[in-house]
PDB file of N, CA and C in Angstrom:
ATOM      1  N   MET A   1       6.912   7.180  -9.312  1.00  0.00           N
ATOM      2  CA  MET A   1       6.226   6.105  -8.646  1.00  0.00           C
ATOM      3  C   MET A   1       7.218   5.198  -7.932  1.00  0.00           C
ATOM      4  N   ARG A   2       8.434   5.075  -8.452  1.00  0.00           N
ATOM      5  CA  ARG A   2       9.438   4.221  -7.833  1.00  0.00           C
ATOM      6  C   ARG A   2      10.057   4.888  -6.602  1.00  0.00           C
ATOM      7  N   LYS A   3       9.881   6.184  -6.420  1.00  0.00           N
ATOM      8  CA  LYS A   3      10.486   6.873  -5.290  1.00  0.00           C
ATOM      9  C   LYS A   3       9.834   6.494  -3.965  1.00  0.00           C
ATOM     10  N   LEU A   4       8.540   6.234  -3.977  1.00  0.00           N
ATOM     11  CA  LEU A   4       7.857   5.887  -2.735  1.00  0.00           C
ATOM     12  C   LEU A   4       8.382   4.593  -2.135  1.00  0.00           C
ATOM     13  N   PRO A   5       8.434   3.479  -2.886  1.00  0.00           N
ATOM     14  CA  PRO A   5       8.968   2.259  -2.299  1.00  0.00           C
ATOM     15  C   PRO A   5      10.431   2.408  -1.884  1.00  0.00           C
ATOM     16  N   LEU A   6      11.221   3.135  -2.673  1.00  0.00           N
ATOM     17  CA  LEU A   6      12.612   3.332  -2.334  1.00  0.00           C
ATOM     18  C   LEU A   6      12.740   4.107  -1.032  1.00  0.00           C
ATOM     19  N   SER A   7      11.927   5.145  -0.845  1.00  0.00           N
ATOM     20  CA  SER A   7      11.997   5.921   0.390  1.00  0.00           C
ATOM     21  C   SER A   7      11.569   5.093   1.591  1.00  0.00           C
ATOM     22  N   ILE A   8      10.588   4.210   1.382  1.00  0.00           N
ATOM     23  CA  ILE A   8      10.159   3.341   2.476  1.00  0.00           C
ATOM     24  C   ILE A   8      11.282   2.389   2.845  1.00  0.00           C
ATOM     25  N   LEU A   9      11.944   1.823   1.846  1.00  0.00           N
ATOM     26  CA  LEU A   9      13.047   0.912   2.119  1.00  0.00           C
ATOM     27  C   LEU A   9      14.200   1.621   2.818  1.00  0.00           C
ATOM     28  N   LEU A  10      14.480   2.845   2.398  1.00  0.00           N
ATOM     29  CA  LEU A  10      15.538   3.598   3.069  1.00  0.00           C
ATOM     30  C   LEU A  10      15.170   3.904   4.522  1.00  0.00           C
ATOM     31  N   GLY A  11      13.905   4.240   4.733  1.00  0.00           N
ATOM     32  CA  GLY A  11      13.442   4.501   6.098  1.00  0.00           C
ATOM     33  C   GLY A  11      13.543   3.261   6.959  1.00  0.00           C
ATOM     34  N   LEU A  12      13.174   2.123   6.402  1.00  0.00           N
ATOM     35  CA  LEU A  12      13.288   0.869   7.145  1.00  0.00           C
ATOM     36  C   LEU A  12      14.740   0.524   7.430  1.00  0.00           C
ATOM     37  N   ALA A  13      15.621   0.831   6.488  1.00  0.00           N
ATOM     38  CA  ALA A  13      17.039   0.549   6.695  1.00  0.00           C
ATOM     39  C   ALA A  13      17.589   1.378   7.848  1.00  0.00           C
ATOM     40  N   LEU A  14      17.114   2.615   7.966  1.00  0.00           N
ATOM     41  CA  LEU A  14      17.568   3.456   9.065  1.00  0.00           C
ATOM     42  C   LEU A  14      17.044   2.967  10.408  1.00  0.00           C
ATOM     43  N   VAL A  15      15.829   2.449  10.401  1.00  0.00           N
ATOM     44  CA  VAL A  15      15.212   1.987  11.632  1.00  0.00           C
ATOM     45  C   VAL A  15      15.590   0.536  11.932  1.00  0.00           C
ATOM     46  N   ALA A  16      16.009  -0.198  10.918  1.00  0.00           N
ATOM     47  CA  ALA A  16      16.228  -1.638  11.049  1.00  0.00           C
ATOM     48  C   ALA A  16      17.198  -1.987  12.163  1.00  0.00           C
ATOM     49  N   CYS A  17      18.188  -1.192  12.357  1.00  0.00           N
ATOM     50  CA  CYS A  17      19.153  -1.503  13.413  1.00  0.00           C
ATOM     51  C   CYS A  17      19.457  -0.223  14.176  1.00  0.00           C
ATOM     52  N   GLN A  18      18.653   0.043  15.179  1.00  0.00           N
ATOM     53  CA  GLN A  18      18.874   1.214  16.005  1.00  0.00           C
ATOM     54  C   GLN A  18      19.639   0.795  17.251  1.00  0.00           C
ATOM     55  N   GLN A  19      20.676   1.546  17.571  1.00  0.00           N
ATOM     56  CA  GLN A  19      21.462   1.237  18.754  1.00  0.00           C
ATOM     57  C   GLN A  19      21.574   2.496  19.603  1.00  0.00           C
ATOM     58  N   THR A  20      21.275   2.357  20.866  1.00  0.00           N
ATOM     59  CA  THR A  20      21.407   3.482  21.780  1.00  0.00           C
ATOM     60  C   THR A  20      22.318   3.072  22.929  1.00  0.00           C
ATOM     61  N   THR A  21      23.172   3.987  23.333  1.00  0.00           N
ATOM     62  CA  THR A  21      24.098   3.738  24.446  1.00  0.00           C
ATOM     63  C   THR A  21      23.901   4.831  25.471  1.00  0.00           C
ATOM     64  N   GLN A  22      23.813   4.416  26.713  1.00  0.00           N
ATOM     65  CA  GLN A  22      23.616   5.372  27.796  1.00  0.00           C
ATOM     66  C   GLN A  22      24.676   5.096  28.859  1.00  0.00           C
ATOM     67  N   SER A  23      25.387   6.129  29.271  1.00  0.00           N
ATOM     68  CA  SER A  23      26.413   5.995  30.303  1.00  0.00           C
ATOM     69  C   SER A  23      26.030   6.823  31.510  1.00  0.00           C
ATOM     70  N   ASN A  24      26.217   6.272  32.688  1.00  0.00           N
ATOM     71  CA  ASN A  24      25.939   6.974  33.943  1.00  0.00           C
ATOM     72  C   ASN A  24      27.188   6.939  34.813  1.00  0.00           C
ATOM     73  N   THR A  25      27.550   8.083  35.327  1.00  0.00           N
ATOM     74  CA  THR A  25      28.692   8.165  36.230  1.00  0.00           C
ATOM     75  C   THR A  25      28.229   8.798  37.533  1.00  0.00           C
ATOM     76  N   THR A  26      28.540   8.151  38.642  1.00  0.00           N
ATOM     77  CA  THR A  26      28.129   8.650  39.952  1.00  0.00           C
ATOM     78  C   THR A  26      29.356   8.761  40.857  1.00  0.00           C
ATOM     79  N   VAL A  27      29.477   9.888  41.552  1.00  0.00           N
ATOM     80  CA  VAL A  27      30.560  10.074  42.522  1.00  0.00           C
ATOM     81  C   VAL A  27      29.935  10.030  43.902  1.00  0.00           C
ATOM     82  N   GLY A  28      30.427   9.105  44.708  1.00  0.00           N
ATOM     83  CA  GLY A  28      29.888   8.939  46.058  1.00  0.00           C
ATOM     84  C   GLY A  28      30.529   9.897  47.042  1.00  0.00           C
ATOM     85  N   SER A  29      30.066   9.856  48.298  1.00  0.00           N
ATOM     86  CA  SER A  29      30.577  10.764  49.339  1.00  0.00           C
ATOM     87  C   SER A  29      32.002  10.417  49.741  1.00  0.00           C
ATOM     88  N   THR A  30      32.465   9.219  49.459  1.00  0.00           N
ATOM     89  CA  THR A  30      33.841   8.837  49.806  1.00  0.00           C
ATOM     90  C   THR A  30      34.760   8.968  48.610  1.00  0.00           C
ATOM     91  N   SER A  31      34.354   9.752  47.622  1.00  0.00           N
ATOM     92  CA  SER A  31      35.117  10.014  46.397  1.00  0.00           C
ATOM     93  C   SER A  31      35.303   8.776  45.532  1.00  0.00           C
ATOM     94  N   THR A  32      34.411   7.811  45.649  1.00  0.00           N
ATOM     95  CA  THR A  32      34.463   6.653  44.758  1.00  0.00           C
ATOM     96  C   THR A  32      33.641   6.969  43.517  1.00  0.00           C
ATOM     97  N   VAL A  33      34.080   6.477  42.390  1.00  0.00           N
ATOM     98  CA  VAL A  33      33.396   6.719  41.129  1.00  0.00           C
ATOM     99  C   VAL A  33      32.783   5.404  40.657  1.00  0.00           C
ATOM    100  N   LYS A  34      31.520   5.465  40.337  1.00  0.00           N
ATOM    101  CA  LYS A  34      30.821   4.284  39.834  1.00  0.00           C
ATOM    102  C   LYS A  34      30.303   4.626  38.441  1.00  0.00           C
ATOM    103  N   THR A  35      30.673   3.818  37.440  1.00  0.00           N
ATOM    104  CA  THR A  35      30.258   4.040  36.061  1.00  0.00           C
ATOM    105  C   THR A  35      29.512   2.812  35.558  1.00  0.00           C
ATOM    106  N   SER A  36      28.386   3.057  34.881  1.00  0.00           N
ATOM    107  CA  SER A  36      27.647   1.957  34.256  1.00  0.00           C
ATOM    108  C   SER A  36      27.259   2.366  32.843  1.00  0.00           C
ATOM    109  N   THR A  37      27.337   1.423  31.929  1.00  0.00           N
ATOM    110  CA  THR A  37      26.985   1.677  30.536  1.00  0.00           C
ATOM    111  C   THR A  37      25.962   0.641  30.091  1.00  0.00           C
ATOM    112  N   THR A  38      24.904   1.124  29.441  1.00  0.00           N
ATOM    113  CA  THR A  38      23.863   0.241  28.926  1.00  0.00           C
ATOM    114  C   THR A  38      23.734   0.473  27.427  1.00  0.00           C
ATOM    115  N   THR A  39      23.780  -0.605  26.645  1.00  0.00           N
ATOM    116  CA  THR A  39      23.603  -0.515  25.197  1.00  0.00           C
ATOM    117  C   THR A  39      22.398  -1.349  24.803  1.00  0.00           C
ATOM    118  N   ASP A  40      21.448  -0.713  24.116  1.00  0.00           N
ATOM    119  CA  ASP A  40      20.259  -1.409  23.634  1.00  0.00           C
ATOM    120  C   ASP A  40      20.291  -1.418  22.112  1.00  0.00           C
ATOM    121  N   THR A  41      20.054  -2.586  21.519  1.00  0.00           N
ATOM    122  CA  THR A  41      19.994  -2.716  20.067  1.00  0.00           C
ATOM    123  C   THR A  41      18.642  -3.311  19.703  1.00  0.00           C
ATOM    124  N   VAL A  42      17.959  -2.655  18.772  1.00  0.00           N
ATOM    125  CA  VAL A  42      16.656  -3.133  18.314  1.00  0.00           C
ATOM    126  C   VAL A  42      16.790  -3.515  16.842  1.00  0.00           C
ATOM    127  N   ASN A  43      16.426  -4.737  16.520  1.00  0.00           N
ATOM    128  CA  ASN A  43      16.462  -5.195  15.123  1.00  0.00           C
ATOM    129  C   ASN A  43      15.041  -5.360  14.606  1.00  0.00           C
ATOM    130  N   VAL A  44      14.786  -4.800  13.447  1.00  0.00           N
ATOM    131  CA  VAL A  44      13.484  -4.921  12.783  1.00  0.00           C
ATOM    132  C   VAL A  44      13.614  -6.020  11.735  1.00  0.00           C
ATOM    133  N   PRO A  45      12.615  -6.885  11.601  1.00  0.00           N
ATOM    134  CA  PRO A  45      12.709  -7.946  10.599  1.00  0.00           C
ATOM    135  C   PRO A  45      12.886  -7.396   9.184  1.00  0.00           C
ATOM    136  N   GLU A  46      13.533  -8.179   8.343  1.00  0.00           N
ATOM    137  CA  GLU A  46      13.777  -7.768   6.961  1.00  0.00           C
ATOM    138  C   GLU A  46      12.479  -7.796   6.154  1.00  0.00           C
ATOM    139  N   VAL A  47      12.446  -6.964   5.130  1.00  0.00           N
ATOM    140  CA  VAL A  47      11.309  -6.933   4.215  1.00  0.00           C
ATOM    141  C   VAL A  47      11.641  -7.855   3.043  1.00  0.00           C
ATOM    142  N   ASP A  48      10.736  -8.781   2.753  1.00  0.00           N
ATOM    143  CA  ASP A  48      10.946  -9.689   1.622  1.00  0.00           C
ATOM    144  C   ASP A  48      10.543  -8.963   0.350  1.00  0.00           C
ATOM    145  N   THR A  49      11.533  -8.421  -0.352  1.00  0.00           N
ATOM    146  CA  THR A  49      11.236  -7.599  -1.529  1.00  0.00           C
ATOM    147  C   THR A  49      10.642  -8.417  -2.667  1.00  0.00           C
ATOM    148  N   ALA A  50      10.991  -9.696  -2.766  1.00  0.00           N
ATOM    149  CA  ALA A  50      10.423 -10.530  -3.830  1.00  0.00           C
ATOM    150  C   ALA A  50       8.923 -10.703  -3.620  1.00  0.00           C
ATOM    151  N   LYS A  51       8.517 -10.969  -2.385  1.00  0.00           N
ATOM    152  CA  LYS A  51       7.086 -11.128  -2.093  1.00  0.00           C
ATOM    153  C   LYS A  51       6.355  -9.802  -2.262  1.00  0.00           C
ATOM    154  N   THR A  52       7.001  -8.722  -1.869  1.00  0.00           N
ATOM    155  CA  THR A  52       6.397  -7.404  -2.016  1.00  0.00           C
ATOM    156  C   THR A  52       6.178  -7.085  -3.495  1.00  0.00           C
ATOM    157  N   GLU A  53       7.161  -7.370  -4.317  1.00  0.00           N
ATOM    158  CA  GLU A  53       7.050  -7.120  -5.754  1.00  0.00           C
ATOM    159  C   GLU A  53       5.964  -8.007  -6.365  1.00  0.00           C
ATOM    160  N   HIS A  54       5.889  -9.262  -5.913  1.00  0.00           N
ATOM    161  CA  HIS A  54       4.862 -10.188  -6.416  1.00  0.00           C
ATOM    162  C   HIS A  54       3.465  -9.678  -6.056  1.00  0.00           C
ATOM    163  N   ALA A  55       3.299  -9.237  -4.811  1.00  0.00           N
ATOM    164  CA  ALA A  55       1.997  -8.704  -4.378  1.00  0.00           C
ATOM    165  C   ALA A  55       1.641  -7.456  -5.178  1.00  0.00           C
ATOM    166  N   LYS A  56       2.618  -6.617  -5.443  1.00  0.00           N
ATOM    167  CA  LYS A  56       2.395  -5.402  -6.224  1.00  0.00           C
ATOM    168  C   LYS A  56       1.929  -5.763  -7.638  1.00  0.00           C
ATOM    169  N   GLU A  57       2.557  -6.763  -8.228  1.00  0.00           N
ATOM    170  CA  GLU A  57       2.182  -7.189  -9.578  1.00  0.00           C
ATOM    171  C   GLU A  57       0.773  -7.773  -9.594  1.00  0.00           C
ATOM    172  N   GLU A  58       0.432  -8.576  -8.564  1.00  0.00           N
ATOM    173  CA  GLU A  58      -0.917  -9.137  -8.477  1.00  0.00           C
ATOM    174  C   GLU A  58      -1.970  -8.034  -8.368  1.00  0.00           C
ATOM    175  N   LEU A  59      -1.684  -7.020  -7.566  1.00  0.00           N
ATOM    176  CA  LEU A  59      -2.623  -5.895  -7.428  1.00  0.00           C
ATOM    177  C   LEU A  59      -2.780  -5.137  -8.742  1.00  0.00           C
ATOM    178  N   LYS A  60      -1.676  -4.979  -9.452  1.00  0.00           N
ATOM    179  CA  LYS A  60      -1.723  -4.281 -10.741  1.00  0.00           C
ATOM    180  C   LYS A  60      -2.599  -5.067 -11.723  1.00  0.00           C
ATOM    181  N   GLN A  61      -2.411  -6.388 -11.759  1.00  0.00           N
ATOM    182  CA  GLN A  61      -3.208  -7.224 -12.658  1.00  0.00           C
ATOM    183  C   GLN A  61      -4.679  -7.200 -12.275  1.00  0.00           C
ATOM    184  N   ALA A  62      -4.959  -7.227 -10.978  1.00  0.00           N
ATOM    185  CA  ALA A  62      -6.355  -7.176 -10.519  1.00  0.00           C
ATOM    186  C   ALA A  62      -6.992  -5.845 -10.910  1.00  0.00           C
ATOM    187  N   GLY A  63      -6.234  -4.763 -10.808  1.00  0.00           N
ATOM    188  CA  GLY A  63      -6.738  -3.451 -11.210  1.00  0.00           C
ATOM    189  C   GLY A  63      -7.045  -3.393 -12.693  1.00  0.00           C
ATOM    190  N   GLU A  64      -6.156  -3.971 -13.502  1.00  0.00           N
ATOM    191  CA  GLU A  64      -6.386  -4.000 -14.947  1.00  0.00           C
ATOM    192  C   GLU A  64      -7.623  -4.837 -15.284  1.00  0.00           C
ATOM    193  N   LYS A  65      -7.787  -5.971 -14.616  1.00  0.00           N
ATOM    194  CA  LYS A  65      -8.950  -6.828 -14.851  1.00  0.00           C
ATOM    195  C   LYS A  65     -10.236  -6.095 -14.452  1.00  0.00           C
ATOM    196  N   ALA A  66     -10.174  -5.376 -13.350  1.00  0.00           N
ATOM    197  CA  ALA A  66     -11.351  -4.617 -12.908  1.00  0.00           C
ATOM    198  C   ALA A  66     -11.723  -3.550 -13.938  1.00  0.00           C
ATOM    199  N   LYS A  67     -10.725  -2.899 -14.533  1.00  0.00           N
ATOM    200  CA  LYS A  67     -11.000  -1.902 -15.572  1.00  0.00           C
ATOM    201  C   LYS A  67     -11.700  -2.532 -16.766  1.00  0.00           C
ATOM    202  N   VAL A  68     -11.196  -3.695 -17.196  1.00  0.00           N
ATOM    203  CA  VAL A  68     -11.791  -4.384 -18.349  1.00  0.00           C
ATOM    204  C   VAL A  68     -13.222  -4.789 -18.031  1.00  0.00           C
ATOM    205  N   ASP A  69     -13.430  -5.362 -16.828  1.00  0.00           N
ATOM    206  CA  ASP A  69     -14.775  -5.785 -16.438  1.00  0.00           C
ATOM    207  C   ASP A  69     -15.732  -4.600 -16.359  1.00  0.00           C
ATOM    208  N   LEU A  70     -15.242  -3.469 -15.857  1.00  0.00           N
ATOM    209  CA  LEU A  70     -16.073  -2.275 -15.756  1.00  0.00           C
ATOM    210  C   LEU A  70     -16.464  -1.768 -17.143  1.00  0.00           C
ATOM    211  N   ARG A  71     -15.514  -1.797 -18.079  1.00  0.00           N
ATOM    212  CA  ARG A  71     -15.826  -1.367 -19.449  1.00  0.00           C
ATOM    213  C   ARG A  71     -16.864  -2.284 -20.089  1.00  0.00           C
ATOM    214  N   LYS A  72     -16.717  -3.603 -19.840  1.00  0.00           N
ATOM    215  CA  LYS A  72     -17.695  -4.556 -20.381  1.00  0.00           C
ATOM    216  C   LYS A  72     -19.079  -4.300 -19.800  1.00  0.00           C
ATOM    217  N   ALA A  73     -19.125  -4.057 -18.494  1.00  0.00           N
ATOM    218  CA  ALA A  73     -20.413  -3.797 -17.843  1.00  0.00           C
ATOM    219  C   ALA A  73     -21.034  -2.510 -18.373  1.00  0.00           C
ATOM    220  N   ALA A  74     -20.203  -1.495 -18.568  1.00  0.00           N
ATOM    221  CA  ALA A  74     -20.709  -0.224 -19.099  1.00  0.00           C
ATOM    222  C   ALA A  74     -21.239  -0.417 -20.520  1.00  0.00           C
ATOM    223  N   ALA A  75     -20.531  -1.201 -21.323  1.00  0.00           N
ATOM    224  CA  ALA A  75     -20.981  -1.452 -22.692  1.00  0.00           C
ATOM    225  C   ALA A  75     -22.294  -2.228 -22.689  1.00  0.00           C
ATOM    226  N   ALA A  76     -22.389  -3.230 -21.808  1.00  0.00           N
ATOM    227  CA  ALA A  76     -23.623  -4.019 -21.735  1.00  0.00           C
ATOM    228  C   ALA A  76     -24.793  -3.153 -21.277  1.00  0.00           C
ATOM    229  N   THR A  77     -24.543  -2.289 -20.321  1.00  0.00           N
ATOM    230  CA  THR A  77     -25.597  -1.388 -19.841  1.00  0.00           C
ATOM    231  C   THR A  77     -26.028  -0.439 -20.948  1.00  0.00           C
ATOM    232  N   GLY A  78     -25.044   0.098 -21.658  1.00  0.00           N
ATOM    233  CA  GLY A  78     -25.362   1.006 -22.762  1.00  0.00           C
ATOM    234  C   GLY A  78     -26.175   0.312 -23.837  1.00  0.00           C
ATOM    235  N   THR A  79     -25.804  -0.936 -24.151  1.00  0.00           N
ATOM    236  CA  THR A  79     -26.538  -1.700 -25.162  1.00  0.00           C
ATOM    237  C   THR A  79     -27.965  -1.960 -24.705  1.00  0.00           C
ATOM    238  N   ALA A  80     -28.122  -2.337 -23.439  1.00  0.00           N
ATOM    239  CA  ALA A  80     -29.462  -2.605 -22.908  1.00  0.00           C
ATOM    240  C   ALA A  80     -30.317  -1.345 -22.936  1.00  0.00           C
ATOM    241  N   LEU A  81     -29.738  -0.214 -22.561  1.00  0.00           N
ATOM    242  CA  LEU A  81     -30.488   1.046 -22.591  1.00  0.00           C
ATOM    243  C   LEU A  81     -30.863   1.428 -24.026  1.00  0.00           C
ATOM    244  N   GLU A  82     -29.947   1.176 -24.943  1.00  0.00           N
ATOM    245  CA  GLU A  82     -30.226   1.495 -26.340  1.00  0.00           C
ATOM    246  C   GLU A  82     -31.381   0.636 -26.867  1.00  0.00           C
ATOM    247  N   LYS A  83     -31.353  -0.663 -26.544  1.00  0.00           N
ATOM    248  CA  LYS A  83     -32.434  -1.560 -26.982  1.00  0.00           C
ATOM    249  C   LYS A  83     -33.765  -1.146 -26.363  1.00  0.00           C
ATOM    250  N   ALA A  84     -33.730  -0.801 -25.071  1.00  0.00           N
ATOM    251  CA  ALA A  84     -34.961  -0.386 -24.403  1.00  0.00           C
ATOM    252  C   ALA A  84     -35.496   0.905 -25.029  1.00  0.00           C
ATOM    253  N   GLY A  85     -34.611   1.810 -25.348  1.00  0.00           N
ATOM    254  CA  GLY A  85     -35.013   3.058 -25.990  1.00  0.00           C
ATOM    255  C   GLY A  85     -35.647   2.816 -27.338  1.00  0.00           C
ATOM    256  N   LYS A  86     -35.091   1.890 -28.117  1.00  0.00           N
ATOM    257  CA  LYS A  86     -35.652   1.567 -29.436  1.00  0.00           C
ATOM    258  C   LYS A  86     -37.035   0.951 -29.297  1.00  0.00           C
ATOM    259  N   LYS A  87     -37.211   0.065 -28.301  1.00  0.00           N
ATOM    260  CA  LYS A  87     -38.522  -0.556 -28.088  1.00  0.00           C
ATOM    261  C   LYS A  87     -39.557   0.496 -27.704  1.00  0.00           C
ATOM    262  N   LEU A  88     -39.169   1.420 -26.828  1.00  0.00           N
ATOM    263  CA  LEU A  88     -40.093   2.485 -26.438  1.00  0.00           C
ATOM    264  C   LEU A  88     -40.464   3.342 -27.650  1.00  0.00           C
ATOM    265  N   GLU A  89     -39.477   3.592 -28.481  1.00  0.00           N
ATOM    266  CA  GLU A  89     -39.718   4.383 -29.688  1.00  0.00           C
ATOM    267  C   GLU A  89     -40.668   3.662 -30.631  1.00  0.00           C
ATOM    268  N   GLU A  90     -40.465   2.336 -30.800  1.00  0.00           N
ATOM    269  CA  GLU A  90     -41.339   1.549 -31.654  1.00  0.00           C
ATOM    270  C   GLU A  90     -42.770   1.557 -31.124  1.00  0.00           C
ATOM    271  N   LYS A  91     -42.936   1.390 -29.821  1.00  0.00           N
ATOM    272  CA  LYS A  91     -44.281   1.390 -29.229  1.00  0.00           C
ATOM    273  C   LYS A  91     -44.949   2.754 -29.400  1.00  0.00           C
ATOM    274  N   ALA A  92     -44.156   3.810 -29.258  1.00  0.00           N
ATOM    275  CA  ALA A  92     -44.709   5.153 -29.439  1.00  0.00           C
ATOM    276  C   ALA A  92     -45.128   5.366 -30.885  1.00  0.00           C
ATOM    277  N   ASN A  93     -44.360   4.840 -31.812  1.00  0.00           N
ATOM    278  CA  ASN A  93     -44.709   4.955 -33.248  1.00  0.00           C
ATOM    279  C   ASN A  93     -45.951   4.130 -33.584  1.00  0.00           C
ATOM    280  N   GLU A  94     -46.107   2.948 -32.953  1.00  0.00           N
ATOM    281  CA  GLU A  94     -47.280   2.111 -33.188  1.00  0.00           C
ATOM    282  C   GLU A  94     -48.554   2.797 -32.735  1.00  0.00           C
ATOM    283  N   LYS A  95     -48.477   3.504 -31.614  1.00  0.00           N
ATOM    284  CA  LYS A  95     -49.649   4.193 -31.076  1.00  0.00           C
ATOM    285  C   LYS A  95     -50.064   5.343 -31.977  1.00  0.00           C
ATOM    286  N   LYS A  96     -49.104   5.944 -32.664  1.00  0.00           N
ATOM    287  CA  LYS A  96     -49.412   7.067 -33.551  1.00  0.00           C
ATOM    288  C   LYS A  96     -50.157   6.581 -34.782  1.00  0.00           C
ATOM    289  N   HIS A  97     -49.915   5.388 -35.234  1.00  0.00           N
ATOM    290  CA  HIS A  97     -50.547   4.900 -36.471  1.00  0.00           C
ATOM    291  C   HIS A  97     -51.800   4.191 -36.228  1.00  0.00           C
TER     292      HIS A  97
END
């Protein structure tokens, strides 16, 4: 599970500072040489790992809370169905007598 965030960070590190250099050389009809070089650097903003870790922890806690709430709801539903079943059974027994 830790490999995914690490791979993303490594990928961002590779992309974070990309530099490309392009050189052009032209020879004119009078044997003059003209050379031009262009360097482009692109910087990607840094990732705030503390905020990312905090958000990850909040999501984990929310997921755990959702699991607990779902179990409570399932238990309440089961209890309600059980009570309803008992009432139906009692009514069916009353009709028999």
